[in-house]
Amino acid sequence: MASEADRRTGPPAERVEELARRIELAARTRRRFLLGVAGSPGGGKTTLAAALVAALNARHEGSAVALPMDGFHLANATLERLGLRDRKGAIDTFDGWGFVALLDRVRRETDHTVYAPAFERDVDEGVAGAIAIEPTARVVIVEGNYLLIDREPWLGVRDRMDEVWFCATPPAERESRLVARHTRHGRTPEAAAAWARDVDGANAVLIEGSRVRADLVVSGITGESLGPPTG
């Protein structure tokens, strides 16, 4: 979930409103519209997704919900068993197949509530059934690092979305945000900087390379539409 500090640095309201109108126009003929918001750690995708959901729900209450990929983090005990705990957040530390299966349910099961897991940073674990996707939710904004990765099972994510946007933020700003986040959640400043550089930074190399598959690139600072990806 986005912290209060993250929300204060989110895009200005007028940019969010422009993007929300774009979503409403694209979703007008769909029973349920799935929009992906991808991006690197610290890029602002969670904050952007939350702002878009709030803007859409201000127009039509209950019409939009955020669905973070982070609920599919493998449990810490599982990561310990696999020897992956020191790489938590890397692509192989998520249940990608389970995530894809949930997207099928979200698309198909519109006559009843679909429950999804969330990730709680305070306990550093996923929480089952924490997110309720009600039948009234015509727009589901799915956000996460690996939505545009072109390998199994992640390539199935892009196929299940109506659109995917990439939230782009300069590396120095992303790292600054990550150090602040990791420090808030208990790491020393030195450990926070090392994790942001060595773990989050390594993941960002893969993620940034996937932006060419996006439908739109959006600034994670201003919320400005930067147009279709290039490269």
Protein backbone atom coordinates (compact mmCIF):
# COMPACT_ATOMS: atom_id res chain seq x y z
CA MET A 1 0.00 0.00 0.00
CA ALA A 2 1.19 3.58 -0.68
CA SER A 3 2.31 5.42 2.43
CA GLU A 4 1.20 8.93 3.36
CA ALA A 5 4.64 10.18 2.32
CA ASP A 6 4.24 8.53 -1.09
CA ARG A 7 0.82 10.09 -1.61
CA ARG A 8 2.12 13.60 -0.92
CA THR A 9 4.56 13.25 -3.82
CA GLY A 10 1.96 11.94 -6.27
CA PRO A 11 0.93 13.57 -9.56
CA PRO A 12 -1.11 16.80 -9.44
CA ALA A 13 -4.89 16.44 -9.39
CA GLU A 14 -5.43 17.96 -12.83
CA ARG A 15 -3.17 15.36 -14.46
CA VAL A 16 -4.92 12.54 -12.60
CA GLU A 17 -8.28 13.86 -13.82
CA GLU A 18 -7.06 13.86 -17.42
CA LEU A 19 -5.91 10.26 -17.11
CA ALA A 20 -9.16 9.24 -15.38
CA ARG A 21 -11.16 10.68 -18.27
CA ARG A 22 -9.01 8.70 -20.68
CA ILE A 23 -9.80 5.51 -18.74
CA GLU A 24 -13.53 6.23 -18.69
CA LEU A 25 -13.54 6.74 -22.45
CA ALA A 26 -11.63 3.49 -23.07
CA ALA A 27 -13.82 1.52 -20.65
CA ARG A 28 -17.20 2.74 -21.86
CA THR A 29 -18.03 -0.38 -23.90
CA ARG A 30 -16.56 -2.93 -21.47
CA ARG A 31 -18.32 -4.84 -18.71
CA ARG A 32 -15.00 -4.76 -16.86
CA PHE A 33 -11.90 -2.86 -17.98
CA LEU A 34 -8.48 -4.02 -16.77
CA LEU A 35 -5.78 -1.36 -16.83
CA GLY A 36 -2.22 -2.29 -15.91
CA VAL A 37 0.16 0.24 -14.37
CA ALA A 38 3.69 -1.13 -14.59
CA GLY A 39 7.00 0.35 -13.52
CA SER A 40 10.18 -0.09 -11.55
CA PRO A 41 10.41 -0.05 -7.73
CA GLY A 42 9.97 3.50 -6.49
CA GLY A 43 8.55 4.66 -9.81
CA GLY A 44 5.25 5.84 -8.35
CA LYS A 45 2.93 3.24 -9.85
CA THR A 46 1.14 2.44 -6.56
CA THR A 47 0.54 6.13 -5.87
CA LEU A 48 -0.69 6.73 -9.43
CA ALA A 49 -3.03 3.72 -9.31
CA ALA A 50 -4.50 4.85 -5.98
CA ALA A 51 -5.04 8.39 -7.30
CA LEU A 52 -6.77 7.09 -10.43
CA VAL A 53 -9.06 4.83 -8.40
CA ALA A 54 -9.97 7.74 -6.12
CA ALA A 55 -10.74 9.98 -9.11
CA LEU A 56 -12.91 7.35 -10.80
CA ASN A 57 -14.78 6.56 -7.58
CA ALA A 58 -15.43 10.27 -7.00
CA ARG A 59 -17.39 10.20 -10.26
CA HIS A 60 -19.13 6.86 -9.70
CA GLU A 61 -18.79 5.36 -6.23
CA GLY A 62 -17.56 1.77 -6.22
CA SER A 63 -16.75 1.77 -9.94
CA ALA A 64 -12.98 1.25 -9.58
CA VAL A 65 -10.59 -0.77 -7.44
CA ALA A 66 -6.81 -1.16 -7.26
CA LEU A 67 -5.31 -4.63 -7.48
CA PRO A 68 -1.58 -4.67 -6.61
CA MET A 69 0.58 -7.55 -7.83
CA ASP A 70 2.45 -7.40 -4.49
CA GLY A 71 -0.12 -9.63 -2.82
CA PHE A 72 1.52 -12.49 -4.73
CA HIS A 73 4.87 -12.19 -2.97
CA LEU A 74 5.91 -15.66 -1.84
CA ALA A 75 5.77 -16.01 1.94
CA ASN A 76 8.98 -15.29 3.83
CA ALA A 77 9.15 -18.88 5.03
CA THR A 78 8.98 -20.06 1.42
CA LEU A 79 11.67 -17.61 0.37
CA GLU A 80 13.89 -18.87 3.19
CA ARG A 81 13.37 -22.45 2.05
CA LEU A 82 14.22 -21.54 -1.54
CA GLY A 83 17.21 -19.43 -0.58
CA LEU A 84 15.62 -16.30 -2.05
CA ARG A 85 14.94 -14.15 1.01
CA ASP A 86 17.79 -11.75 0.25
CA ARG A 87 16.31 -11.17 -3.23
CA LYS A 88 12.71 -10.52 -2.19
CA GLY A 89 11.04 -8.49 -4.91
CA ALA A 90 12.87 -10.19 -7.78
CA ILE A 91 10.66 -11.72 -10.46
CA ASP A 92 11.16 -15.29 -9.19
CA THR A 93 9.98 -14.36 -5.67
CA PHE A 94 6.36 -13.99 -6.81
CA ASP A 95 3.64 -16.53 -7.59
CA GLY A 96 3.24 -15.47 -11.20
CA TRP A 97 0.98 -18.35 -12.16
CA GLY A 98 -1.36 -17.57 -9.28
CA PHE A 99 -1.46 -13.93 -10.32
CA VAL A 100 -2.40 -14.79 -13.90
CA ALA A 101 -5.12 -17.14 -12.65
CA LEU A 102 -6.60 -14.36 -10.52
CA LEU A 103 -6.72 -12.02 -13.52
CA ASP A 104 -8.82 -14.61 -15.35
CA ARG A 105 -11.24 -14.67 -12.42
CA VAL A 106 -11.40 -10.89 -12.26
CA ARG A 107 -12.22 -10.72 -15.97
CA ARG A 108 -14.77 -13.54 -15.93
CA GLU A 109 -16.49 -13.41 -12.54
CA THR A 110 -18.41 -10.15 -12.57
CA ASP A 111 -21.59 -11.31 -10.83
CA HIS A 112 -20.06 -11.78 -7.37
CA THR A 113 -17.22 -10.47 -5.23
CA VAL A 114 -13.74 -11.73 -6.06
CA TYR A 115 -11.28 -11.57 -3.17
CA ALA A 116 -7.58 -10.95 -3.77
CA PRO A 117 -4.50 -10.82 -1.53
CA ALA A 118 -2.76 -7.62 -0.49
CA PHE A 119 0.77 -7.02 0.75
CA GLU A 120 1.25 -5.42 4.15
CA ARG A 121 4.63 -3.73 4.49
CA ASP A 122 4.37 -3.51 8.27
CA VAL A 123 4.52 -7.30 8.54
CA ASP A 124 6.35 -7.85 5.22
CA GLU A 125 3.86 -10.54 4.17
CA GLY A 126 0.87 -11.03 1.92
CA VAL A 127 -2.62 -11.10 3.46
CA ALA A 128 -5.18 -13.36 1.77
CA GLY A 129 -8.60 -11.99 0.86
CA ALA A 130 -7.78 -8.40 1.84
CA ILE A 131 -9.01 -6.81 -1.41
CA ALA A 132 -12.66 -7.11 -2.45
CA ILE A 133 -13.42 -6.67 -6.15
CA GLU A 134 -17.16 -6.07 -6.13
CA PRO A 135 -19.50 -6.60 -9.09
CA THR A 136 -19.85 -2.79 -9.29
CA ALA A 137 -16.15 -2.42 -10.11
CA ARG A 138 -16.11 -1.74 -13.84
CA VAL A 139 -12.46 -0.64 -13.78
CA VAL A 140 -9.74 -2.70 -12.12
CA ILE A 141 -6.35 -0.99 -12.02
CA VAL A 142 -3.70 -3.69 -11.71
CA GLU A 143 -0.30 -2.38 -10.66
CA GLY A 144 3.05 -4.09 -10.35
CA ASN A 145 6.63 -4.35 -11.49
CA TYR A 146 6.42 -7.23 -13.95
CA LEU A 147 3.20 -6.70 -15.91
CA LEU A 148 5.04 -6.28 -19.23
CA ILE A 149 7.68 -8.99 -18.95
CA ASP A 150 7.82 -11.18 -22.05
CA ARG A 151 8.33 -14.60 -20.47
CA GLU A 152 6.13 -17.25 -18.90
CA PRO A 153 4.01 -16.85 -16.91
CA TRP A 154 4.24 -13.05 -17.02
CA LEU A 155 3.56 -12.68 -20.73
CA GLY A 156 0.06 -13.91 -19.93
CA VAL A 157 -0.50 -10.78 -17.84
CA ARG A 158 -0.26 -8.44 -20.83
CA ASP A 159 -2.63 -10.63 -22.79
CA ARG A 160 -5.29 -10.26 -20.08
CA MET A 161 -5.18 -6.45 -19.90
CA ASP A 162 -7.12 -3.99 -22.01
CA GLU A 163 -4.26 -1.48 -21.70
CA VAL A 164 -0.97 -1.31 -19.81
CA TRP A 165 0.71 1.98 -18.93
CA PHE A 166 4.32 2.34 -17.82
CA CYS A 167 5.00 4.73 -14.93
CA ALA A 168 8.41 6.30 -15.68
CA THR A 169 10.56 8.11 -13.11
CA PRO A 170 14.27 9.04 -13.31
CA PRO A 171 16.59 6.55 -11.55
CA ALA A 172 17.91 9.05 -8.98
CA GLU A 173 14.38 9.93 -7.86
CA ARG A 174 13.38 6.28 -7.68
CA GLU A 175 16.38 5.41 -5.54
CA SER A 176 15.74 8.34 -3.20
CA ARG A 177 12.14 7.20 -2.71
CA LEU A 178 13.24 3.62 -2.10
CA VAL A 179 15.83 4.56 0.51
CA ALA A 180 13.20 6.61 2.35
CA ARG A 181 10.68 3.75 2.14
CA HIS A 182 13.08 1.07 3.36
CA THR A 183 14.21 3.31 6.20
CA ARG A 184 10.60 3.92 7.28
CA HIS A 185 10.10 0.16 7.44
CA GLY A 186 13.03 -0.51 9.74
CA ARG A 187 16.26 -0.74 7.75
CA THR A 188 19.23 1.38 8.67
CA PRO A 189 20.05 4.14 6.15
CA GLU A 190 23.07 2.12 4.99
CA ALA A 191 21.06 -1.10 4.58
CA ALA A 192 18.24 0.81 2.86
CA ALA A 193 20.65 2.34 0.35
CA ALA A 194 22.27 -1.04 -0.33
CA TRP A 195 18.90 -2.73 -0.92
CA ALA A 196 17.71 0.07 -3.20
CA ARG A 197 20.93 -0.16 -5.21
CA ASP A 198 21.64 -3.90 -5.30
CA VAL A 199 18.20 -5.53 -5.19
CA ASP A 200 15.68 -2.95 -6.41
CA GLY A 201 18.24 -1.60 -8.88
CA ALA A 202 18.87 -5.03 -10.38
CA ASN A 203 15.12 -5.61 -10.77
CA ALA A 204 14.74 -2.21 -12.43
CA VAL A 205 17.11 -3.21 -15.24
CA LEU A 206 14.67 -5.94 -16.27
CA ILE A 207 11.57 -3.82 -15.73
CA GLU A 208 12.78 -0.74 -17.59
CA GLY A 209 13.50 -2.93 -20.60
CA SER A 210 9.83 -3.97 -20.71
CA ARG A 211 8.41 -0.48 -21.19
CA VAL A 212 8.47 -0.88 -24.99
CA ARG A 213 5.44 -3.19 -24.62
CA ALA A 214 3.31 -0.51 -22.92
CA ASP A 215 0.44 1.33 -24.57
CA LEU A 216 1.34 4.61 -22.87
CA VAL A 217 4.19 6.02 -20.77
CA VAL A 218 3.18 8.28 -17.88
CA SER A 219 5.48 10.39 -15.70
CA GLY A 220 5.65 9.10 -12.14
CA ILE A 221 6.31 12.65 -10.95
CA THR A 222 3.97 14.90 -12.93
CA GLY A 223 1.39 12.38 -14.17
CA GLU A 224 1.94 13.81 -17.65
CA SER A 225 1.31 11.50 -20.57
CA LEU A 226 4.65 10.96 -22.31
CA GLY A 227 3.08 9.24 -25.29
CA PRO A 228 3.70 5.72 -26.61
CA PRO A 229 6.97 4.02 -25.70
CA THR A 230 9.97 4.25 -27.98
CA GLY A 231 12.77 1.78 -28.54
